[in-house]
Amino acid sequence: MNEDVEPQSGFTSPPPGAPVKELRFRLPDLPQVRQFAEDEARSVGMPEEAVGDFVIAVNEVATNAVTHGADHAFMRTWLVNGDLFVAVHDGGTWKPGPMPGAVGGMGLWVARLLSSELTLRAGSDGSTVIMRFPGKE
């Protein structure tokens, strides 16, 4: 991934026993990623006016994963206390964010604005972005 923030040390994962859905993808699969995200949001009862923002945030992070990280990535979703969590992981190496005046490079910034919480973990096994979104109202 190549984005506008430095890696953070925090990490969130599904609680033991929580049902987790997973989708593996490559760059040509981004339409399926968006559909998967939309279906997940609706299946947990996310308010309709929030679904579009959710899909945009997921698309931004997923696009970064397969354009700046590695040629393939995967995402997982799970619920905790009614909130929908999404983790997107790629096997790439973390690169610092865009240079001043660069066009683009705002995907994580957008995702951070649209999510309730965003955590980034970068290490020797790749980069993972975890986002939290309110589920039902």
N, C-alpha and C. Protein backbone atom coordinates (compact mmCIF):
# COMPACT_ATOMS: atom_id res chain seq x y z
N MET A 1 0.84 -1.17 0.00
CA MET A 1 0.00 0.00 0.00
C MET A 1 0.88 1.23 0.00
N ASN A 2 0.36 2.28 -0.54
CA ASN A 2 1.07 3.53 -0.58
C ASN A 2 0.07 4.61 -0.24
N GLU A 3 0.18 5.18 0.94
CA GLU A 3 -0.86 6.11 1.35
C GLU A 3 -0.34 7.26 2.17
N ASP A 4 -1.26 8.01 2.72
CA ASP A 4 -0.99 9.28 3.34
C ASP A 4 -0.77 9.23 4.85
N VAL A 5 -0.66 8.06 5.43
CA VAL A 5 -0.45 7.95 6.86
C VAL A 5 0.65 6.93 7.13
N GLU A 6 1.24 7.03 8.30
CA GLU A 6 2.24 6.05 8.72
C GLU A 6 1.54 4.87 9.37
N PRO A 7 2.14 3.69 9.31
CA PRO A 7 1.53 2.52 9.96
C PRO A 7 1.35 2.75 11.45
N GLN A 8 0.28 2.21 11.98
CA GLN A 8 0.01 2.27 13.41
C GLN A 8 0.22 0.89 14.00
N SER A 9 0.42 0.83 15.31
CA SER A 9 0.68 -0.45 15.94
C SER A 9 -0.60 -1.18 16.33
N GLY A 10 -1.74 -0.49 16.38
CA GLY A 10 -2.98 -1.14 16.78
C GLY A 10 -3.44 -2.17 15.76
N PHE A 11 -4.17 -3.17 16.23
CA PHE A 11 -4.69 -4.20 15.32
C PHE A 11 -5.97 -4.75 15.91
N THR A 12 -6.97 -4.94 15.10
CA THR A 12 -8.24 -5.51 15.51
C THR A 12 -8.46 -6.78 14.71
N SER A 13 -8.95 -7.81 15.35
CA SER A 13 -9.27 -9.05 14.65
C SER A 13 -10.60 -9.56 15.15
N PRO A 14 -11.20 -10.49 14.42
CA PRO A 14 -12.49 -11.02 14.86
C PRO A 14 -12.38 -11.70 16.21
N PRO A 15 -13.39 -11.55 17.05
CA PRO A 15 -13.37 -12.28 18.31
C PRO A 15 -13.49 -13.77 18.05
N PRO A 16 -12.99 -14.59 18.94
CA PRO A 16 -13.08 -16.04 18.76
C PRO A 16 -14.54 -16.47 18.53
N GLY A 17 -14.74 -17.29 17.52
CA GLY A 17 -16.06 -17.82 17.22
C GLY A 17 -16.95 -16.93 16.38
N ALA A 18 -16.51 -15.69 16.10
CA ALA A 18 -17.34 -14.80 15.28
C ALA A 18 -17.34 -15.29 13.83
N PRO A 19 -18.52 -15.33 13.20
CA PRO A 19 -18.55 -15.71 11.79
C PRO A 19 -17.80 -14.67 10.95
N VAL A 20 -16.95 -15.15 10.07
CA VAL A 20 -16.14 -14.29 9.23
C VAL A 20 -16.39 -14.67 7.78
N LYS A 21 -16.64 -13.66 6.95
CA LYS A 21 -16.76 -13.88 5.51
C LYS A 21 -15.49 -13.36 4.86
N GLU A 22 -15.04 -14.05 3.83
CA GLU A 22 -13.78 -13.69 3.19
C GLU A 22 -13.93 -13.67 1.68
N LEU A 23 -13.21 -12.74 1.05
CA LEU A 23 -13.18 -12.64 -0.41
C LEU A 23 -11.74 -12.37 -0.83
N ARG A 24 -11.22 -13.22 -1.70
CA ARG A 24 -9.89 -12.99 -2.28
C ARG A 24 -10.10 -12.29 -3.62
N PHE A 25 -9.19 -11.36 -3.94
CA PHE A 25 -9.41 -10.59 -5.17
C PHE A 25 -8.10 -10.09 -5.77
N ARG A 26 -8.22 -9.71 -7.04
CA ARG A 26 -7.16 -9.06 -7.82
C ARG A 26 -7.75 -7.80 -8.43
N LEU A 27 -6.94 -7.02 -9.10
CA LEU A 27 -7.41 -5.77 -9.67
C LEU A 27 -8.67 -5.92 -10.54
N PRO A 28 -8.73 -6.91 -11.43
CA PRO A 28 -9.94 -7.03 -12.25
C PRO A 28 -11.21 -7.39 -11.46
N ASP A 29 -11.03 -7.83 -10.21
CA ASP A 29 -12.15 -8.26 -9.38
C ASP A 29 -12.77 -7.14 -8.56
N LEU A 30 -12.31 -5.89 -8.71
CA LEU A 30 -12.82 -4.80 -7.87
C LEU A 30 -14.34 -4.61 -7.98
N PRO A 31 -14.98 -4.85 -9.14
CA PRO A 31 -16.45 -4.78 -9.14
C PRO A 31 -17.08 -5.80 -8.19
N GLN A 32 -16.50 -7.00 -8.09
CA GLN A 32 -17.01 -8.00 -7.17
C GLN A 32 -16.75 -7.59 -5.71
N VAL A 33 -15.64 -6.90 -5.46
CA VAL A 33 -15.35 -6.39 -4.12
C VAL A 33 -16.43 -5.40 -3.70
N ARG A 34 -16.78 -4.49 -4.61
CA ARG A 34 -17.83 -3.51 -4.30
C ARG A 34 -19.17 -4.17 -4.06
N GLN A 35 -19.50 -5.18 -4.86
CA GLN A 35 -20.77 -5.89 -4.67
C GLN A 35 -20.76 -6.66 -3.35
N PHE A 36 -19.66 -7.30 -3.03
CA PHE A 36 -19.51 -8.02 -1.76
C PHE A 36 -19.72 -7.05 -0.60
N ALA A 37 -19.09 -5.88 -0.67
CA ALA A 37 -19.22 -4.88 0.39
C ALA A 37 -20.66 -4.41 0.51
N GLU A 38 -21.30 -4.13 -0.59
CA GLU A 38 -22.70 -3.68 -0.57
C GLU A 38 -23.59 -4.74 0.04
N ASP A 39 -23.40 -5.99 -0.38
CA ASP A 39 -24.22 -7.09 0.15
C ASP A 39 -24.01 -7.25 1.66
N GLU A 40 -22.76 -7.16 2.11
CA GLU A 40 -22.47 -7.28 3.53
C GLU A 40 -23.14 -6.15 4.33
N ALA A 41 -23.04 -4.94 3.84
CA ALA A 41 -23.64 -3.79 4.54
C ALA A 41 -25.14 -4.00 4.68
N ARG A 42 -25.79 -4.39 3.62
CA ARG A 42 -27.24 -4.58 3.67
C ARG A 42 -27.61 -5.77 4.55
N SER A 43 -26.79 -6.82 4.53
CA SER A 43 -27.13 -8.01 5.31
C SER A 43 -27.07 -7.77 6.81
N VAL A 44 -26.31 -6.77 7.26
CA VAL A 44 -26.24 -6.46 8.69
C VAL A 44 -27.18 -5.33 9.08
N GLY A 45 -27.97 -4.86 8.11
CA GLY A 45 -28.94 -3.81 8.41
C GLY A 45 -28.37 -2.41 8.47
N MET A 46 -27.25 -2.18 7.80
CA MET A 46 -26.68 -0.84 7.77
C MET A 46 -27.69 0.11 7.14
N PRO A 47 -27.88 1.29 7.71
CA PRO A 47 -28.83 2.24 7.12
C PRO A 47 -28.49 2.51 5.65
N GLU A 48 -29.52 2.58 4.85
CA GLU A 48 -29.33 2.72 3.41
C GLU A 48 -28.45 3.92 3.05
N GLU A 49 -28.60 5.02 3.79
CA GLU A 49 -27.80 6.21 3.48
C GLU A 49 -26.31 6.03 3.81
N ALA A 50 -25.96 4.99 4.56
CA ALA A 50 -24.56 4.72 4.90
C ALA A 50 -23.92 3.69 3.98
N VAL A 51 -24.71 2.95 3.24
CA VAL A 51 -24.18 1.88 2.40
C VAL A 51 -23.21 2.42 1.35
N GLY A 52 -23.55 3.50 0.69
CA GLY A 52 -22.68 4.08 -0.34
C GLY A 52 -21.33 4.48 0.20
N ASP A 53 -21.30 5.13 1.36
CA ASP A 53 -20.03 5.52 1.98
C ASP A 53 -19.21 4.30 2.35
N PHE A 54 -19.88 3.27 2.85
CA PHE A 54 -19.19 2.03 3.19
C PHE A 54 -18.52 1.43 1.96
N VAL A 55 -19.25 1.36 0.86
CA VAL A 55 -18.72 0.78 -0.37
C VAL A 55 -17.54 1.63 -0.88
N ILE A 56 -17.65 2.94 -0.81
CA ILE A 56 -16.54 3.81 -1.24
C ILE A 56 -15.30 3.54 -0.41
N ALA A 57 -15.44 3.48 0.91
CA ALA A 57 -14.29 3.25 1.78
C ALA A 57 -13.64 1.91 1.48
N VAL A 58 -14.44 0.86 1.36
CA VAL A 58 -13.90 -0.47 1.07
C VAL A 58 -13.21 -0.46 -0.29
N ASN A 59 -13.83 0.17 -1.29
CA ASN A 59 -13.24 0.22 -2.62
C ASN A 59 -11.88 0.94 -2.61
N GLU A 60 -11.79 2.04 -1.89
CA GLU A 60 -10.52 2.79 -1.82
C GLU A 60 -9.41 1.91 -1.25
N VAL A 61 -9.69 1.25 -0.15
CA VAL A 61 -8.67 0.42 0.50
C VAL A 61 -8.34 -0.79 -0.36
N ALA A 62 -9.35 -1.43 -0.93
CA ALA A 62 -9.11 -2.61 -1.78
C ALA A 62 -8.31 -2.22 -3.03
N THR A 63 -8.63 -1.10 -3.62
CA THR A 63 -7.90 -0.63 -4.81
C THR A 63 -6.44 -0.38 -4.46
N ASN A 64 -6.19 0.27 -3.32
CA ASN A 64 -4.80 0.48 -2.89
C ASN A 64 -4.07 -0.84 -2.72
N ALA A 65 -4.75 -1.82 -2.15
CA ALA A 65 -4.12 -3.11 -1.87
C ALA A 65 -3.59 -3.76 -3.14
N VAL A 66 -4.37 -3.73 -4.22
CA VAL A 66 -3.96 -4.43 -5.45
C VAL A 66 -3.24 -3.54 -6.45
N THR A 67 -3.13 -2.25 -6.16
CA THR A 67 -2.35 -1.39 -7.06
C THR A 67 -1.01 -0.99 -6.44
N HIS A 68 -0.95 -0.87 -5.13
CA HIS A 68 0.29 -0.46 -4.47
C HIS A 68 0.91 -1.56 -3.62
N GLY A 69 0.12 -2.56 -3.24
CA GLY A 69 0.60 -3.59 -2.32
C GLY A 69 1.09 -4.83 -3.02
N ALA A 70 0.19 -5.61 -3.54
CA ALA A 70 0.51 -6.87 -4.20
C ALA A 70 -0.52 -7.08 -5.30
N ASP A 71 -0.29 -8.06 -6.17
CA ASP A 71 -1.24 -8.27 -7.26
C ASP A 71 -2.50 -8.98 -6.81
N HIS A 72 -2.54 -9.46 -5.58
CA HIS A 72 -3.74 -10.09 -5.03
C HIS A 72 -3.86 -9.69 -3.56
N ALA A 73 -5.07 -9.75 -3.06
CA ALA A 73 -5.35 -9.36 -1.67
C ALA A 73 -6.58 -10.13 -1.21
N PHE A 74 -6.92 -9.96 0.06
CA PHE A 74 -8.17 -10.52 0.53
C PHE A 74 -8.79 -9.60 1.55
N MET A 75 -10.11 -9.71 1.65
CA MET A 75 -10.82 -8.94 2.67
C MET A 75 -11.66 -9.90 3.49
N ARG A 76 -11.83 -9.53 4.77
CA ARG A 76 -12.66 -10.29 5.68
C ARG A 76 -13.63 -9.32 6.34
N THR A 77 -14.83 -9.81 6.63
CA THR A 77 -15.81 -9.00 7.35
C THR A 77 -16.33 -9.80 8.54
N TRP A 78 -16.68 -9.07 9.61
CA TRP A 78 -17.27 -9.69 10.79
C TRP A 78 -18.01 -8.62 11.58
N LEU A 79 -18.87 -9.08 12.46
CA LEU A 79 -19.66 -8.18 13.32
C LEU A 79 -19.18 -8.27 14.76
N VAL A 80 -19.17 -7.11 15.42
CA VAL A 80 -18.92 -7.03 16.86
C VAL A 80 -19.90 -6.01 17.42
N ASN A 81 -20.80 -6.46 18.30
CA ASN A 81 -21.79 -5.58 18.91
C ASN A 81 -22.55 -4.74 17.89
N GLY A 82 -22.90 -5.35 16.77
CA GLY A 82 -23.67 -4.67 15.73
C GLY A 82 -22.85 -3.85 14.77
N ASP A 83 -21.57 -3.63 15.04
CA ASP A 83 -20.71 -2.88 14.12
C ASP A 83 -20.09 -3.84 13.11
N LEU A 84 -19.97 -3.37 11.88
CA LEU A 84 -19.38 -4.16 10.81
C LEU A 84 -17.90 -3.80 10.68
N PHE A 85 -17.04 -4.80 10.77
CA PHE A 85 -15.61 -4.62 10.60
C PHE A 85 -15.19 -5.19 9.26
N VAL A 86 -14.26 -4.53 8.61
CA VAL A 86 -13.70 -4.98 7.34
C VAL A 86 -12.19 -4.90 7.44
N ALA A 87 -11.52 -5.98 7.13
CA ALA A 87 -10.06 -6.01 7.08
C ALA A 87 -9.65 -6.32 5.65
N VAL A 88 -8.76 -5.50 5.10
CA VAL A 88 -8.21 -5.72 3.77
C VAL A 88 -6.71 -5.94 3.94
N HIS A 89 -6.22 -7.07 3.43
CA HIS A 89 -4.81 -7.41 3.59
C HIS A 89 -4.17 -7.66 2.23
N ASP A 90 -2.95 -7.12 2.06
CA ASP A 90 -2.14 -7.43 0.89
C ASP A 90 -0.75 -7.83 1.37
N GLY A 91 -0.01 -8.49 0.52
CA GLY A 91 1.33 -8.96 0.89
C GLY A 91 2.43 -7.99 0.52
N GLY A 92 2.08 -6.75 0.24
CA GLY A 92 3.08 -5.78 -0.19
C GLY A 92 3.85 -5.16 0.96
N THR A 93 4.79 -4.29 0.60
CA THR A 93 5.62 -3.57 1.55
C THR A 93 5.11 -2.15 1.68
N TRP A 94 5.03 -1.66 2.91
CA TRP A 94 4.51 -0.31 3.15
C TRP A 94 5.43 0.71 2.50
N LYS A 95 4.80 1.69 1.84
CA LYS A 95 5.52 2.81 1.24
C LYS A 95 4.93 4.10 1.80
N PRO A 96 5.75 5.10 2.07
CA PRO A 96 5.22 6.37 2.59
C PRO A 96 4.19 6.98 1.64
N GLY A 97 3.37 7.86 2.17
CA GLY A 97 2.27 8.47 1.43
C GLY A 97 2.71 9.37 0.30
N PRO A 98 1.75 10.02 -0.34
CA PRO A 98 2.04 10.83 -1.53
C PRO A 98 2.89 12.06 -1.19
N MET A 99 3.61 12.49 -2.17
CA MET A 99 4.42 13.70 -2.04
C MET A 99 3.50 14.92 -2.15
N PRO A 100 3.89 16.05 -1.55
CA PRO A 100 3.07 17.27 -1.68
C PRO A 100 2.83 17.59 -3.15
N GLY A 101 1.60 17.93 -3.46
CA GLY A 101 1.23 18.26 -4.83
C GLY A 101 0.88 17.06 -5.69
N ALA A 102 0.97 15.86 -5.14
CA ALA A 102 0.65 14.66 -5.90
C ALA A 102 -0.84 14.61 -6.20
N VAL A 103 -1.17 14.02 -7.35
CA VAL A 103 -2.56 13.79 -7.70
C VAL A 103 -2.87 12.35 -7.28
N GLY A 104 -3.89 12.17 -6.49
CA GLY A 104 -4.22 10.85 -5.98
C GLY A 104 -3.56 10.62 -4.63
N GLY A 105 -3.57 9.38 -4.20
CA GLY A 105 -2.96 9.03 -2.93
C GLY A 105 -3.79 9.41 -1.73
N MET A 106 -5.09 9.55 -1.91
CA MET A 106 -5.96 9.97 -0.82
C MET A 106 -6.90 8.87 -0.35
N GLY A 107 -6.70 7.65 -0.81
CA GLY A 107 -7.62 6.56 -0.49
C GLY A 107 -7.78 6.28 0.99
N LEU A 108 -6.68 6.19 1.72
CA LEU A 108 -6.79 5.93 3.16
C LEU A 108 -7.40 7.11 3.88
N TRP A 109 -7.09 8.30 3.42
CA TRP A 109 -7.67 9.50 4.02
C TRP A 109 -9.19 9.47 3.86
N VAL A 110 -9.66 9.15 2.66
CA VAL A 110 -11.10 9.05 2.41
C VAL A 110 -11.71 7.96 3.28
N ALA A 111 -11.07 6.79 3.32
CA ALA A 111 -11.59 5.68 4.13
C ALA A 111 -11.65 6.07 5.60
N ARG A 112 -10.65 6.78 6.07
CA ARG A 112 -10.64 7.21 7.47
C ARG A 112 -11.80 8.16 7.75
N LEU A 113 -12.10 9.05 6.82
CA LEU A 113 -13.22 9.98 7.01
C LEU A 113 -14.57 9.25 7.02
N LEU A 114 -14.70 8.21 6.23
CA LEU A 114 -15.98 7.52 6.08
C LEU A 114 -16.22 6.44 7.13
N SER A 115 -15.17 5.97 7.78
CA SER A 115 -15.32 4.90 8.78
C SER A 115 -15.36 5.50 10.18
N SER A 116 -15.87 4.71 11.12
CA SER A 116 -15.87 5.13 12.52
C SER A 116 -14.48 4.99 13.13
N GLU A 117 -13.72 4.06 12.60
CA GLU A 117 -12.38 3.78 13.10
C GLU A 117 -11.58 3.12 12.00
N LEU A 118 -10.32 3.47 11.88
CA LEU A 118 -9.45 2.84 10.89
C LEU A 118 -8.12 2.56 11.56
N THR A 119 -7.65 1.32 11.43
CA THR A 119 -6.37 0.91 11.96
C THR A 119 -5.55 0.34 10.82
N LEU A 120 -4.28 0.67 10.79
CA LEU A 120 -3.38 0.17 9.76
C LEU A 120 -2.25 -0.58 10.43
N ARG A 121 -1.97 -1.75 9.91
CA ARG A 121 -0.84 -2.53 10.41
C ARG A 121 0.02 -2.90 9.21
N ALA A 122 1.30 -2.58 9.28
CA ALA A 122 2.24 -2.94 8.23
C ALA A 122 3.39 -3.71 8.86
N GLY A 123 3.78 -4.78 8.21
CA GLY A 123 4.85 -5.60 8.74
C GLY A 123 5.48 -6.43 7.64
N SER A 124 6.27 -7.39 8.04
CA SER A 124 6.98 -8.22 7.07
C SER A 124 6.04 -9.11 6.27
N ASP A 125 4.81 -9.32 6.78
CA ASP A 125 3.85 -10.16 6.06
C ASP A 125 2.86 -9.34 5.24
N GLY A 126 3.09 -8.04 5.11
CA GLY A 126 2.22 -7.20 4.29
C GLY A 126 1.54 -6.12 5.09
N SER A 127 0.50 -5.54 4.51
CA SER A 127 -0.24 -4.45 5.12
C SER A 127 -1.70 -4.85 5.30
N THR A 128 -2.28 -4.45 6.43
CA THR A 128 -3.68 -4.72 6.71
C THR A 128 -4.34 -3.44 7.19
N VAL A 129 -5.47 -3.11 6.58
CA VAL A 129 -6.28 -1.99 7.02
C VAL A 129 -7.57 -2.56 7.58
N ILE A 130 -7.91 -2.16 8.81
CA ILE A 130 -9.13 -2.62 9.46
C ILE A 130 -10.01 -1.40 9.69
N MET A 131 -11.25 -1.47 9.22
CA MET A 131 -12.19 -0.37 9.38
C MET A 131 -13.41 -0.85 10.15
N ARG A 132 -13.98 0.05 10.95
CA ARG A 132 -15.21 -0.24 11.69
C ARG A 132 -16.29 0.72 11.22
N PHE A 133 -17.49 0.19 11.03
CA PHE A 133 -18.65 0.97 10.61
C PHE A 133 -19.86 0.60 11.48
N PRO A 134 -20.65 1.56 11.86
CA PRO A 134 -21.88 1.22 12.60
C PRO A 134 -22.78 0.35 11.73
N GLY A 135 -23.39 -0.64 12.34
CA GLY A 135 -24.32 -1.51 11.62
C GLY A 135 -25.72 -0.91 11.65
N LYS A 136 -26.62 -1.59 12.36
CA LYS A 136 -28.00 -1.10 12.46
C LYS A 136 -28.05 0.19 13.25
N GLU A 137 -29.07 0.97 12.92
CA GLU A 137 -29.29 2.23 13.68
C GLU A 137 -29.84 1.92 15.03
